[in-house]
C-alpha atoms as a PDB file:
ATOM      1  CA  MET A   1      -7.576  16.304   6.723  1.00  0.00           C
ATOM      2  CA  LYS A   2      -5.362  17.186   9.196  1.00  0.00           C
ATOM      3  CA  SER A   3      -5.432  14.600  12.077  1.00  0.00           C
ATOM      4  CA  PRO A   4      -6.151  15.357  16.181  1.00  0.00           C
ATOM      5  CA  LEU A   5      -3.888  12.728  16.865  1.00  0.00           C
ATOM      6  CA  LEU A   6      -1.131  15.534  15.484  1.00  0.00           C
ATOM      7  CA  THR A   7      -1.652  17.151  19.095  1.00  0.00           C
ATOM      8  CA  LEU A   8      -0.191  13.893  20.938  1.00  0.00           C
ATOM      9  CA  PRO A   9       3.169  14.578  22.779  1.00  0.00           C
ATOM     10  CA  GLY A  10       6.238  14.781  20.017  1.00  0.00           C
ATOM     11  CA  ALA A  11       4.228  14.365  17.269  1.00  0.00           C
ATOM     12  CA  VAL A  12       6.059  15.659  13.782  1.00  0.00           C
ATOM     13  CA  PRO A  13       3.841  15.957  11.188  1.00  0.00           C
ATOM     14  CA  ALA A  14       4.044  13.963   7.778  1.00  0.00           C
ATOM     15  CA  GLU A  15       4.835  15.718   4.481  1.00  0.00           C
ATOM     16  CA  GLY A  16       4.310  15.064   1.100  1.00  0.00           C
ATOM     17  CA  VAL A  17       1.123  12.613   0.047  1.00  0.00           C
ATOM     18  CA  ASP A  18       1.026  11.411   3.825  1.00  0.00           C
ATOM     19  CA  GLU A  19       0.564  15.308   4.928  1.00  0.00           C
ATOM     20  CA  GLY A  20      -2.453  15.035   7.643  1.00  0.00           C
ATOM     21  CA  VAL A  21      -0.907  12.258  10.116  1.00  0.00           C
ATOM     22  CA  ALA A  22       2.121  12.090  12.003  1.00  0.00           C
ATOM     23  CA  ALA A  23       5.736  10.978  10.354  1.00  0.00           C
ATOM     24  CA  HIS A  24       6.653   9.998  14.109  1.00  0.00           C
ATOM     25  CA  TYR A  25       5.946  10.830  17.636  1.00  0.00           C
ATOM     26  CA  GLY A  26       9.804  11.543  18.672  1.00  0.00           C
ATOM     27  CA  ASP A  27      11.312   8.170  18.319  1.00  0.00           C
ATOM     28  CA  LEU A  28      11.288   5.978  15.009  1.00  0.00           C
ATOM     29  CA  PHE A  29      13.034   2.878  16.051  1.00  0.00           C
ATOM     30  CA  ARG A  30      11.215   2.731  19.118  1.00  0.00           C
ATOM     31  CA  GLU A  31       7.898   3.011  17.449  1.00  0.00           C
ATOM     32  CA  GLN A  32       8.719   0.380  14.692  1.00  0.00           C
ATOM     33  CA  ARG A  33       9.785  -2.043  17.029  1.00  0.00           C
ATOM     34  CA  ALA A  34       6.602  -1.807  19.459  1.00  0.00           C
ATOM     35  CA  LEU A  35       4.886  -2.472  15.898  1.00  0.00           C
ATOM     36  CA  ALA A  36       6.887  -5.464  14.962  1.00  0.00           C
ATOM     37  CA  ASP A  37       5.862  -6.664  18.692  1.00  0.00           C
ATOM     38  CA  GLY A  38       2.340  -6.079  17.685  1.00  0.00           C
ATOM     39  CA  THR A  39       1.692  -3.231  20.505  1.00  0.00           C
ATOM     40  CA  GLY A  40       0.566   0.559  19.640  1.00  0.00           C
ATOM     41  CA  PHE A  41      -1.542   1.597  16.879  1.00  0.00           C
ATOM     42  CA  VAL A  42      -1.012   3.994  13.532  1.00  0.00           C
ATOM     43  CA  ASP A  43      -3.005   6.706  12.662  1.00  0.00           C
ATOM     44  CA  LEU A  44      -4.202   6.191   8.719  1.00  0.00           C
ATOM     45  CA  SER A  45      -6.862   8.706   8.812  1.00  0.00           C
ATOM     46  CA  HIS A  46      -5.445  10.598   6.156  1.00  0.00           C
ATOM     47  CA  ARG A  47      -6.320   7.928   3.622  1.00  0.00           C
ATOM     48  CA  GLY A  48      -9.699   8.084   1.478  1.00  0.00           C
ATOM     49  CA  VAL A  49     -12.477   5.848   2.670  1.00  0.00           C
ATOM     50  CA  VAL A  50     -15.107   5.137   0.071  1.00  0.00           C
ATOM     51  CA  THR A  51     -18.318   2.700   0.549  1.00  0.00           C
ATOM     52  CA  VAL A  52     -20.395   0.506  -1.617  1.00  0.00           C
ATOM     53  CA  THR A  53     -23.949  -0.274  -0.610  1.00  0.00           C
ATOM     54  CA  GLY A  54     -26.787  -2.084  -2.414  1.00  0.00           C
ATOM     55  CA  GLU A  55     -27.494  -5.801  -3.258  1.00  0.00           C
ATOM     56  CA  ASP A  56     -25.572  -5.853  -6.375  1.00  0.00           C
ATOM     57  CA  ARG A  57     -22.579  -4.463  -4.987  1.00  0.00           C
ATOM     58  CA  LEU A  58     -20.534  -7.492  -4.757  1.00  0.00           C
ATOM     59  CA  ALA A  59     -21.508  -9.058  -8.277  1.00  0.00           C
ATOM     60  CA  TRP A  60     -20.968  -5.431  -9.810  1.00  0.00           C
ATOM     61  CA  LEU A  61     -17.131  -4.480  -8.127  1.00  0.00           C
ATOM     62  CA  HIS A  62     -16.484  -8.239  -9.659  1.00  0.00           C
ATOM     63  CA  LEU A  63     -16.662  -6.936 -13.004  1.00  0.00           C
ATOM     64  CA  LEU A  64     -14.729  -3.614 -12.494  1.00  0.00           C
ATOM     65  CA  LEU A  65     -11.796  -4.959  -9.936  1.00  0.00           C
ATOM     66  CA  THR A  66      -8.482  -7.838 -10.798  1.00  0.00           C
ATOM     67  CA  GLN A  67      -9.933  -9.504  -7.574  1.00  0.00           C
ATOM     68  CA  HIS A  68     -12.419 -12.083  -7.703  1.00  0.00           C
ATOM     69  CA  VAL A  69     -15.092 -10.478  -5.403  1.00  0.00           C
ATOM     70  CA  SER A  70     -18.336 -11.796  -6.122  1.00  0.00           C
ATOM     71  CA  ASP A  71     -18.690 -14.297  -3.575  1.00  0.00           C
ATOM     72  CA  LEU A  72     -16.355 -12.544  -1.131  1.00  0.00           C
ATOM     73  CA  PRO A  73     -17.545 -13.783   2.186  1.00  0.00           C
ATOM     74  CA  ALA A  74     -18.457 -11.246   5.034  1.00  0.00           C
ATOM     75  CA  GLY A  75     -15.333 -10.401   7.324  1.00  0.00           C
ATOM     76  CA  GLN A  76     -12.676 -11.569   4.667  1.00  0.00           C
ATOM     77  CA  ALA A  77     -10.141  -8.868   3.855  1.00  0.00           C
ATOM     78  CA  THR A  78      -8.440  -8.798   0.108  1.00  0.00           C
ATOM     79  CA  GLU A  79      -7.204  -5.884  -2.190  1.00  0.00           C
ATOM     80  CA  ALA A  80      -8.008  -5.198  -5.731  1.00  0.00           C
ATOM     81  CA  LEU A  81      -6.579  -3.061  -8.462  1.00  0.00           C
ATOM     82  CA  ILE A  82      -8.214  -1.269 -11.117  1.00  0.00           C
ATOM     83  CA  LEU A  83      -6.250  -1.040 -13.926  1.00  0.00           C
ATOM     84  CA  SER A  84      -6.482   1.070 -17.624  1.00  0.00           C
ATOM     85  CA  ALA A  85      -7.688  -0.051 -20.609  1.00  0.00           C
ATOM     86  CA  ASN A  86      -3.512  -0.743 -21.395  1.00  0.00           C
ATOM     87  CA  GLY A  87      -3.160  -2.907 -18.192  1.00  0.00           C
ATOM     88  CA  HIS A  88      -1.622   0.191 -15.705  1.00  0.00           C
ATOM     89  CA  ILE A  89      -2.124   0.308 -12.673  1.00  0.00           C
ATOM     90  CA  GLU A  90      -4.402   3.422 -11.827  1.00  0.00           C
ATOM     91  CA  HIS A  91      -6.324   2.381  -8.256  1.00  0.00           C
ATOM     92  CA  ALA A  92      -5.517   0.158  -5.653  1.00  0.00           C
ATOM     93  CA  LEU A  93      -8.350  -0.686  -2.867  1.00  0.00           C
ATOM     94  CA  TYR A  94      -8.098  -2.346   0.628  1.00  0.00           C
ATOM     95  CA  LEU A  95     -11.748  -3.826   1.066  1.00  0.00           C
ATOM     96  CA  VAL A  96     -13.766  -5.885   3.097  1.00  0.00           C
ATOM     97  CA  ASP A  97     -17.966  -6.523   3.105  1.00  0.00           C
ATOM     98  CA  ASP A  98     -19.531  -6.714   6.227  1.00  0.00           C
ATOM     99  CA  GLY A  99     -22.376  -7.814   4.907  1.00  0.00           C
ATOM    100  CA  GLU A 100     -24.325  -5.379   4.123  1.00  0.00           C
ATOM    101  CA  THR A 101     -21.424  -2.848   3.049  1.00  0.00           C
ATOM    102  CA  VAL A 102     -17.709  -2.952   1.474  1.00  0.00           C
ATOM    103  CA  TRP A 103     -15.599  -0.654   2.983  1.00  0.00           C
ATOM    104  CA  ALA A 104     -12.325   0.172   0.983  1.00  0.00           C
ATOM    105  CA  HIS A 105      -9.435   2.580   1.783  1.00  0.00           C
ATOM    106  CA  VAL A 106      -7.595   4.308  -0.784  1.00  0.00           C
ATOM    107  CA  GLU A 107      -4.324   6.291  -1.208  1.00  0.00           C
ATOM    108  CA  PRO A 108      -5.048   9.710   0.310  1.00  0.00           C
ATOM    109  CA  GLY A 109      -6.369  12.035  -2.429  1.00  0.00           C
ATOM    110  CA  THR A 110      -7.512   9.364  -5.205  1.00  0.00           C
ATOM    111  CA  GLN A 111     -11.058   8.678  -3.598  1.00  0.00           C
ATOM    112  CA  ASP A 112     -12.767  11.409  -5.735  1.00  0.00           C
ATOM    113  CA  ALA A 113     -11.497  10.145  -8.900  1.00  0.00           C
ATOM    114  CA  LEU A 114     -12.056   6.443  -8.134  1.00  0.00           C
ATOM    115  CA  ILE A 115     -15.503   7.875  -7.227  1.00  0.00           C
ATOM    116  CA  ALA A 116     -15.931   9.254 -10.266  1.00  0.00           C
ATOM    117  CA  TYR A 117     -14.862   6.011 -12.359  1.00  0.00           C
ATOM    118  CA  LEU A 118     -17.022   4.056 -10.078  1.00  0.00           C
ATOM    119  CA  GLU A 119     -20.300   6.261 -10.783  1.00  0.00           C
ATOM    120  CA  SER A 120     -19.521   6.524 -14.500  1.00  0.00           C
ATOM    121  CA  MET A 121     -19.993   2.239 -14.482  1.00  0.00           C
ATOM    122  CA  LYS A 122     -23.148   1.921 -12.563  1.00  0.00           C
ATOM    123  CA  PHE A 123     -25.573   1.614 -15.108  1.00  0.00           C
ATOM    124  CA  PHE A 124     -28.467  -0.129 -14.097  1.00  0.00           C
ATOM    125  CA  TYR A 125     -26.890  -1.993 -11.098  1.00  0.00           C
ATOM    126  CA  ARG A 126     -28.183  -1.860  -7.691  1.00  0.00           C
ATOM    127  CA  VAL A 127     -25.626   0.062  -5.679  1.00  0.00           C
ATOM    128  CA  GLU A 128     -24.620   3.439  -4.264  1.00  0.00           C
ATOM    129  CA  VAL A 129     -20.971   4.608  -3.980  1.00  0.00           C
ATOM    130  CA  ALA A 130     -20.382   7.302  -1.206  1.00  0.00           C
ATOM    131  CA  ASP A 131     -17.097   9.171   0.154  1.00  0.00           C
ATOM    132  CA  ARG A 132     -16.999   8.233   3.686  1.00  0.00           C
ATOM    133  CA  THR A 133     -13.384  10.438   4.310  1.00  0.00           C
ATOM    134  CA  ALA A 134     -14.430  12.873   5.938  1.00  0.00           C
ATOM    135  CA  ASP A 135     -16.450  10.798   8.870  1.00  0.00           C
ATOM    136  CA  ILE A 136     -14.767   7.579   8.949  1.00  0.00           C
ATOM    137  CA  ALA A 137     -10.897   7.671  10.195  1.00  0.00           C
ATOM    138  CA  VAL A 138      -8.814   4.079   9.164  1.00  0.00           C
ATOM    139  CA  VAL A 139      -6.644   3.223  11.919  1.00  0.00           C
ATOM    140  CA  HIS A 140      -4.143   0.324  11.870  1.00  0.00           C
ATOM    141  CA  LEU A 141      -3.544  -2.548  14.604  1.00  0.00           C
ATOM    142  CA  PRO A 142      -0.160  -4.491  14.475  1.00  0.00           C
ATOM    143  CA  ALA A 143      -0.146  -8.181  13.706  1.00  0.00           C
ATOM    144  CA  GLY A 144      -0.247  -9.832  17.345  1.00  0.00           C
ATOM    145  CA  SER A 145      -2.110  -6.580  18.766  1.00  0.00           C
ATOM    146  CA  ILE A 146      -4.837  -7.644  21.722  1.00  0.00           C
ATOM    147  CA  ALA A 147      -6.642  -4.180  21.474  1.00  0.00           C
ATOM    148  CA  GLU A 148      -9.895  -3.910  22.027  1.00  0.00           C
ATOM    149  CA  VAL A 149     -11.914  -3.356  18.541  1.00  0.00           C
ATOM    150  CA  PRO A 150     -14.897  -1.507  19.232  1.00  0.00           C
ATOM    151  CA  GLN A 151     -18.411  -2.983  18.854  1.00  0.00           C
ATOM    152  CA  GLY A 152     -19.813  -2.167  15.291  1.00  0.00           C
ATOM    153  CA  VAL A 153     -16.628  -1.359  13.463  1.00  0.00           C
ATOM    154  CA  ALA A 154     -15.680  -2.670  10.283  1.00  0.00           C
ATOM    155  CA  VAL A 155     -12.735  -4.318  10.477  1.00  0.00           C
ATOM    156  CA  ARG A 156      -9.800  -5.988   8.070  1.00  0.00           C
ATOM    157  CA  GLU A 157      -7.650  -8.687   9.569  1.00  0.00           C
ATOM    158  CA  THR A 158      -4.568  -9.412   7.266  1.00  0.00           C
ATOM    159  CA  PRO A 159      -1.606 -11.154   7.952  1.00  0.00           C
ATOM    160  CA  TYR A 160      -0.120  -7.821   8.689  1.00  0.00           C
ATOM    161  CA  GLY A 161      -2.434  -6.440  11.166  1.00  0.00           C
ATOM    162  CA  ARG A 162      -5.929  -4.952  11.641  1.00  0.00           C
ATOM    163  CA  ASP A 163      -7.305  -1.942   9.841  1.00  0.00           C
ATOM    164  CA  LEU A 164     -10.388  -0.466  11.358  1.00  0.00           C
ATOM    165  CA  PHE A 165     -13.014   1.858   9.981  1.00  0.00           C
ATOM    166  CA  LEU A 166     -13.339   4.002  13.117  1.00  0.00           C
ATOM    167  CA  PRO A 167     -15.953   7.069  13.302  1.00  0.00           C
ATOM    168  CA  ARG A 168     -13.713  10.162  12.828  1.00  0.00           C
ATOM    169  CA  ALA A 169     -15.496  11.852  16.123  1.00  0.00           C
ATOM    170  CA  ASP A 170     -14.144   8.367  18.319  1.00  0.00           C
ATOM    171  CA  LEU A 171     -10.611   8.928  17.304  1.00  0.00           C
ATOM    172  CA  GLU A 172      -9.317  10.557  19.963  1.00  0.00           C
ATOM    173  CA  ALA A 173     -10.687   8.413  22.702  1.00  0.00           C
ATOM    174  CA  TYR A 174      -9.768   5.194  21.042  1.00  0.00           C
ATOM    175  CA  ALA A 175      -5.797   6.687  20.693  1.00  0.00           C
ATOM    176  CA  GLY A 176      -6.209   7.097  24.454  1.00  0.00           C
ATOM    177  CA  GLN A 177      -6.524   2.943  24.742  1.00  0.00           C
ATOM    178  CA  ALA A 178      -5.231   1.629  22.111  1.00  0.00           C
ATOM    179  CA  GLY A 179      -1.517   1.469  23.290  1.00  0.00           C
ATOM    180  CA  PRO A 180       1.444   3.668  22.374  1.00  0.00           C
ATOM    181  CA  PRO A 181       1.390   5.921  18.958  1.00  0.00           C
ATOM    182  CA  ALA A 182       3.339   5.014  15.874  1.00  0.00           C
ATOM    183  CA  GLY A 183       4.127   6.844  13.048  1.00  0.00           C
ATOM    184  CA  ILE A 184       3.582   6.773   9.331  1.00  0.00           C
ATOM    185  CA  LEU A 185       7.512   6.091   9.134  1.00  0.00           C
ATOM    186  CA  ALA A 186       7.497   2.926  11.457  1.00  0.00           C
ATOM    187  CA  TYR A 187       4.494   1.547   9.356  1.00  0.00           C
ATOM    188  CA  GLU A 188       6.252   2.172   5.747  1.00  0.00           C
ATOM    189  CA  ALA A 189       9.320   1.088   7.238  1.00  0.00           C
ATOM    190  CA  LEU A 190       7.702  -2.227   8.190  1.00  0.00           C
ATOM    191  CA  ARG A 191       6.125  -2.234   4.772  1.00  0.00           C
ATOM    192  CA  VAL A 192       9.340  -2.211   3.017  1.00  0.00           C
ATOM    193  CA  GLU A 193      10.317  -5.017   5.206  1.00  0.00           C
ATOM    194  CA  GLN A 194       7.438  -7.155   4.013  1.00  0.00           C
ATOM    195  CA  HIS A 195       8.073  -6.150   0.296  1.00  0.00           C
ATOM    196  CA  ARG A 196       4.699  -4.620  -0.237  1.00  0.00           C
ATOM    197  CA  PRO A 197       4.223  -2.280  -2.758  1.00  0.00           C
ATOM    198  CA  ARG A 198       2.065   1.110  -2.291  1.00  0.00           C
ATOM    199  CA  LEU A 199       0.415   2.866  -5.393  1.00  0.00           C
ATOM    200  CA  GLY A 200       1.786   6.145  -6.168  1.00  0.00           C
ATOM    201  CA  PHE A 201       4.959   4.859  -4.392  1.00  0.00           C
ATOM    202  CA  GLU A 202       6.074   1.584  -6.172  1.00  0.00           C
ATOM    203  CA  THR A 203       4.311   2.827  -8.950  1.00  0.00           C
ATOM    204  CA  ASP A 204       4.168   5.124 -12.244  1.00  0.00           C
ATOM    205  CA  HIS A 205       1.932   6.001 -15.193  1.00  0.00           C
ATOM    206  CA  ARG A 206       3.277   2.479 -16.899  1.00  0.00           C
ATOM    207  CA  THR A 207       3.386   0.047 -14.058  1.00  0.00           C
ATOM    208  CA  ILE A 208       1.441  -3.267 -14.769  1.00  0.00           C
ATOM    209  CA  PRO A 209       1.012  -5.807 -11.697  1.00  0.00           C
ATOM    210  CA  HIS A 210       3.371  -8.189 -12.503  1.00  0.00           C
ATOM    211  CA  GLU A 211       5.979  -5.974 -11.956  1.00  0.00           C
ATOM    212  CA  LEU A 212       5.458  -5.375  -8.047  1.00  0.00           C
ATOM    213  CA  GLY A 213       3.960  -9.200  -7.434  1.00  0.00           C
ATOM    214  CA  TRP A 214       0.636  -8.176  -7.336  1.00  0.00           C
ATOM    215  CA  ILE A 215      -0.474 -11.312  -8.994  1.00  0.00           C
ATOM    216  CA  GLY A 216      -2.269 -13.285  -6.611  1.00  0.00           C
ATOM    217  CA  SER A 217      -2.783 -11.166  -3.297  1.00  0.00           C
ATOM    218  CA  ALA A 218      -4.537  -8.285  -5.698  1.00  0.00           C
ATOM    219  CA  VAL A 219      -4.979  -9.726  -9.051  1.00  0.00           C
ATOM    220  CA  HIS A 220      -7.058 -13.218  -9.553  1.00  0.00           C
ATOM    221  CA  LEU A 221      -6.076 -15.073 -12.778  1.00  0.00           C
ATOM    222  CA  GLN A 222      -9.186 -17.105 -12.804  1.00  0.00           C
ATOM    223  CA  LYS A 223     -11.731 -14.196 -13.611  1.00  0.00           C
ATOM    224  CA  GLY A 224     -12.080 -11.957 -16.977  1.00  0.00           C
ATOM    225  CA  CYS A 225     -14.457  -9.570 -17.640  1.00  0.00           C
ATOM    226  CA  TYR A 226     -12.629  -6.183 -15.983  1.00  0.00           C
ATOM    227  CA  ARG A 227     -10.731  -3.670 -17.914  1.00  0.00           C
ATOM    228  CA  GLY A 228      -6.948  -4.667 -18.729  1.00  0.00           C
ATOM    229  CA  GLN A 229      -7.363  -8.038 -18.196  1.00  0.00           C
ATOM    230  CA  GLU A 230      -6.089  -8.881 -21.677  1.00  0.00           C
ATOM    231  CA  THR A 231      -2.729  -7.051 -20.474  1.00  0.00           C
ATOM    232  CA  VAL A 232      -2.528  -9.109 -17.325  1.00  0.00           C
ATOM    233  CA  ALA A 233      -3.653 -12.495 -19.327  1.00  0.00           C
ATOM    234  CA  ARG A 234      -1.047 -11.963 -22.022  1.00  0.00           C
ATOM    235  CA  VAL A 235       1.968 -11.372 -20.031  1.00  0.00           C
ATOM    236  CA  GLN A 236       1.072 -13.888 -17.418  1.00  0.00           C
ATOM    237  CA  ASN A 237       0.670 -16.487 -20.666  1.00  0.00           C
ATOM    238  CA  LEU A 238       3.379 -15.368 -23.054  1.00  0.00           C
ATOM    239  CA  GLY A 239       5.756 -13.501 -21.501  1.00  0.00           C
ATOM    240  CA  ARG A 240       7.527 -11.218 -18.607  1.00  0.00           C
ATOM    241  CA  PRO A 241       6.813  -8.033 -17.326  1.00  0.00           C
ATOM    242  CA  PRO A 242       9.410  -5.498 -18.344  1.00  0.00           C
ATOM    243  CA  ARG A 243      10.470  -4.329 -14.810  1.00  0.00           C
ATOM    244  CA  ARG A 244      10.529  -6.078 -11.367  1.00  0.00           C
ATOM    245  CA  LEU A 245      10.308  -5.195  -7.901  1.00  0.00           C
ATOM    246  CA  VAL A 246      13.528  -5.723  -5.883  1.00  0.00           C
ATOM    247  CA  PHE A 247      14.034  -5.623  -2.248  1.00  0.00           C
ATOM    248  CA  LEU A 248      17.459  -3.276  -1.468  1.00  0.00           C
ATOM    249  CA  HIS A 249      20.450  -3.481   1.535  1.00  0.00           C
ATOM    250  CA  LEU A 250      21.926  -0.252   1.716  1.00  0.00           C
ATOM    251  CA  ASP A 251      25.286   0.575   2.684  1.00  0.00           C
ATOM    252  CA  GLY A 252      24.887   1.589   6.076  1.00  0.00           C
ATOM    253  CA  SER A 253      27.849   3.876   6.455  1.00  0.00           C
ATOM    254  CA  GLU A 254      26.330   6.510   4.203  1.00  0.00           C
ATOM    255  CA  VAL A 255      24.463   9.604   6.098  1.00  0.00           C
ATOM    256  CA  HIS A 256      21.729  10.048   3.987  1.00  0.00           C
ATOM    257  CA  LEU A 257      19.520   7.497   2.016  1.00  0.00           C
ATOM    258  CA  PRO A 258      18.832   7.905  -1.493  1.00  0.00           C
ATOM    259  CA  VAL A 259      15.532   9.683  -1.976  1.00  0.00           C
ATOM    260  CA  ALA A 260      12.632   8.117  -4.166  1.00  0.00           C
ATOM    261  CA  GLY A 261      13.737   8.165  -7.695  1.00  0.00           C
ATOM    262  CA  THR A 262      17.186   7.629  -7.332  1.00  0.00           C
ATOM    263  CA  GLU A 263      19.008   5.997 -10.246  1.00  0.00           C
ATOM    264  CA  LEU A 264      20.373   2.845  -9.944  1.00  0.00           C
ATOM    265  CA  ARG A 265      23.402   1.539 -12.037  1.00  0.00           C
ATOM    266  CA  LEU A 266      25.344  -2.049 -12.438  1.00  0.00           C
ATOM    267  CA  ALA A 267      28.267  -1.251  -9.545  1.00  0.00           C
ATOM    268  CA  GLY A 268      30.911  -2.538 -12.181  1.00  0.00           C
ATOM    269  CA  ASP A 269      29.852   0.118 -14.742  1.00  0.00           C
ATOM    270  CA  GLY A 270      31.153   3.152 -12.667  1.00  0.00           C
ATOM    271  CA  PRO A 271      28.654   6.526 -12.123  1.00  0.00           C
ATOM    272  CA  ASP A 272      28.640   7.000 -16.100  1.00  0.00           C
ATOM    273  CA  GLY A 273      26.776   3.794 -16.707  1.00  0.00           C
ATOM    274  CA  ARG A 274      23.538   3.143 -17.958  1.00  0.00           C
ATOM    275  CA  LYS A 275      20.478   3.481 -15.585  1.00  0.00           C
ATOM    276  CA  VAL A 276      19.005  -0.108 -14.848  1.00  0.00           C
ATOM    277  CA  GLY A 277      16.377   1.114 -12.327  1.00  0.00           C
ATOM    278  CA  PHE A 278      15.261   3.439  -9.661  1.00  0.00           C
ATOM    279  CA  ILE A 279      14.412   3.672  -5.960  1.00  0.00           C
ATOM    280  CA  THR A 280      10.833   4.161  -5.112  1.00  0.00           C
ATOM    281  CA  THR A 281      10.976   4.112  -1.299  1.00  0.00           C
ATOM    282  CA  SER A 282      13.644   4.308   0.806  1.00  0.00           C
ATOM    283  CA  VAL A 283      13.581   3.829   5.057  1.00  0.00           C
ATOM    284  CA  ARG A 284      16.036   3.427   8.141  1.00  0.00           C
ATOM    285  CA  HIS A 285      14.681  -0.059   9.770  1.00  0.00           C
ATOM    286  CA  HIS A 286      15.068  -1.185  13.119  1.00  0.00           C
ATOM    287  CA  GLU A 287      16.935  -4.194  12.809  1.00  0.00           C
ATOM    288  CA  LEU A 288      18.413  -4.313   8.824  1.00  0.00           C
ATOM    289  CA  GLY A 289      19.506  -0.896   8.972  1.00  0.00           C
ATOM    290  CA  PRO A 290      18.861   1.334   5.361  1.00  0.00           C
ATOM    291  CA  VAL A 291      16.969  -0.323   2.859  1.00  0.00           C
ATOM    292  CA  ALA A 292      14.348   0.076   0.044  1.00  0.00           C
ATOM    293  CA  LEU A 293      12.622  -1.080  -2.482  1.00  0.00           C
ATOM    294  CA  ALA A 294      13.432  -0.346  -6.569  1.00  0.00           C
ATOM    295  CA  LEU A 295      11.979  -1.409  -9.595  1.00  0.00           C
ATOM    296  CA  VAL A 296      14.915  -2.495 -12.068  1.00  0.00           C
ATOM    297  CA  LYS A 297      15.083  -3.807 -15.557  1.00  0.00           C
ATOM    298  CA  ARG A 298      14.146  -7.513 -15.710  1.00  0.00           C
ATOM    299  CA  ASN A 299      16.800  -8.840 -17.074  1.00  0.00           C
ATOM    300  CA  VAL A 300      19.266  -7.363 -14.420  1.00  0.00           C
ATOM    301  CA  ALA A 301      21.291 -10.149 -12.858  1.00  0.00           C
ATOM    302  CA  VAL A 302      19.500 -11.311  -9.386  1.00  0.00           C
ATOM    303  CA  ASP A 303      23.123 -11.118  -7.724  1.00  0.00           C
ATOM    304  CA  ALA A 304      24.388  -8.018  -9.501  1.00  0.00           C
ATOM    305  CA  PRO A 305      25.711  -5.217  -7.557  1.00  0.00           C
ATOM    306  CA  LEU A 306      24.251  -2.061  -7.673  1.00  0.00           C
ATOM    307  CA  VAL A 307      24.850   1.362  -7.036  1.00  0.00           C
ATOM    308  CA  ALA A 308      21.974   3.883  -5.988  1.00  0.00           C
ATOM    309  CA  GLY A 309      23.579   7.495  -6.851  1.00  0.00           C
ATOM    310  CA  ASP A 310      26.928   7.178  -4.852  1.00  0.00           C
ATOM    311  CA  THR A 311      25.268   4.171  -2.374  1.00  0.00           C
ATOM    312  CA  ALA A 312      25.982   0.638  -2.863  1.00  0.00           C
ATOM    313  CA  ALA A 313      22.659  -1.816  -2.852  1.00  0.00           C
ATOM    314  CA  ALA A 314      22.534  -5.672  -3.009  1.00  0.00           C
ATOM    315  CA  GLN A 315      19.723  -7.197  -4.418  1.00  0.00           C
ATOM    316  CA  GLU A 316      17.224  -9.458  -2.618  1.00  0.00           C
ATOM    317  CA  VAL A 317      14.545 -11.154  -5.202  1.00  0.00           C
ATOM    318  CA  VAL A 318      10.965  -9.687  -4.848  1.00  0.00           C
ATOM    319  CA  VAL A 319       9.398 -10.992  -8.202  1.00  0.00           C
ATOM    320  CA  GLU A 320      11.345 -13.354 -10.335  1.00  0.00           C
ATOM    321  CA  PRO A 321      12.976 -12.004 -13.462  1.00  0.00           C
END
């Protein structure tokens, strides 16, 4: 779904999964600094929006999600996962309940599969699931923003900012009063700085929540009765995940960033050394320079110098080995 804000001055369209919104508006670092200072907004209108209504909505979702939501207070933001039977991550939901409706935004293009799964699990529960992507746009206001939130709009308030579920018809008018726009590349740079994983970027077909630090924030360990819970409990109580998320400081003298999927090797092993991980997201940060998130094997020493392709990389621990 193509955003009308792509007509704003300087807008350069994003590519790949974020197609449909602006990558930037002409000055990537200025946009990052604005967000870090709590000004401006990010157009996330390409993300899928799903709602669940009905008196059983929270009790029903509690049985399906990794998060404890049966008693979720109205207005309290949370995030949750849906796992496969083997505990691998299939969906990530960023949700809030407004007292009548659970609002969730999800990765672009994943809402159809999510809704199909939810519909298959309704049984006798009094719930209705709806795809609201066509009429609701997600807008992100950074932490510290004093931009006005329109009355009646559902809001997810988090330490990183506020996600607004705005009527799509109001998007252009709201953009005119919300401050300078920032593109998805600026948003992604701050996400990487904050060590926050993203479905489809930091995940693959075999990722489990422990590898990305999603235990606690998206997975509640004191609840059971959801698909994949056995794997979560077994890894938590009896072992360690096979991989771990790391934050990388990349050699700033290189012109090109190592792209997602670039293999990581131990610097001491040379270019023919064994693969110990791979880049998941790489960005240019306005203060830190080139940085990245990556998945490495759990037994890689936390102080081991790495090489991403031809680029030197120094680790910073996100998930303990």
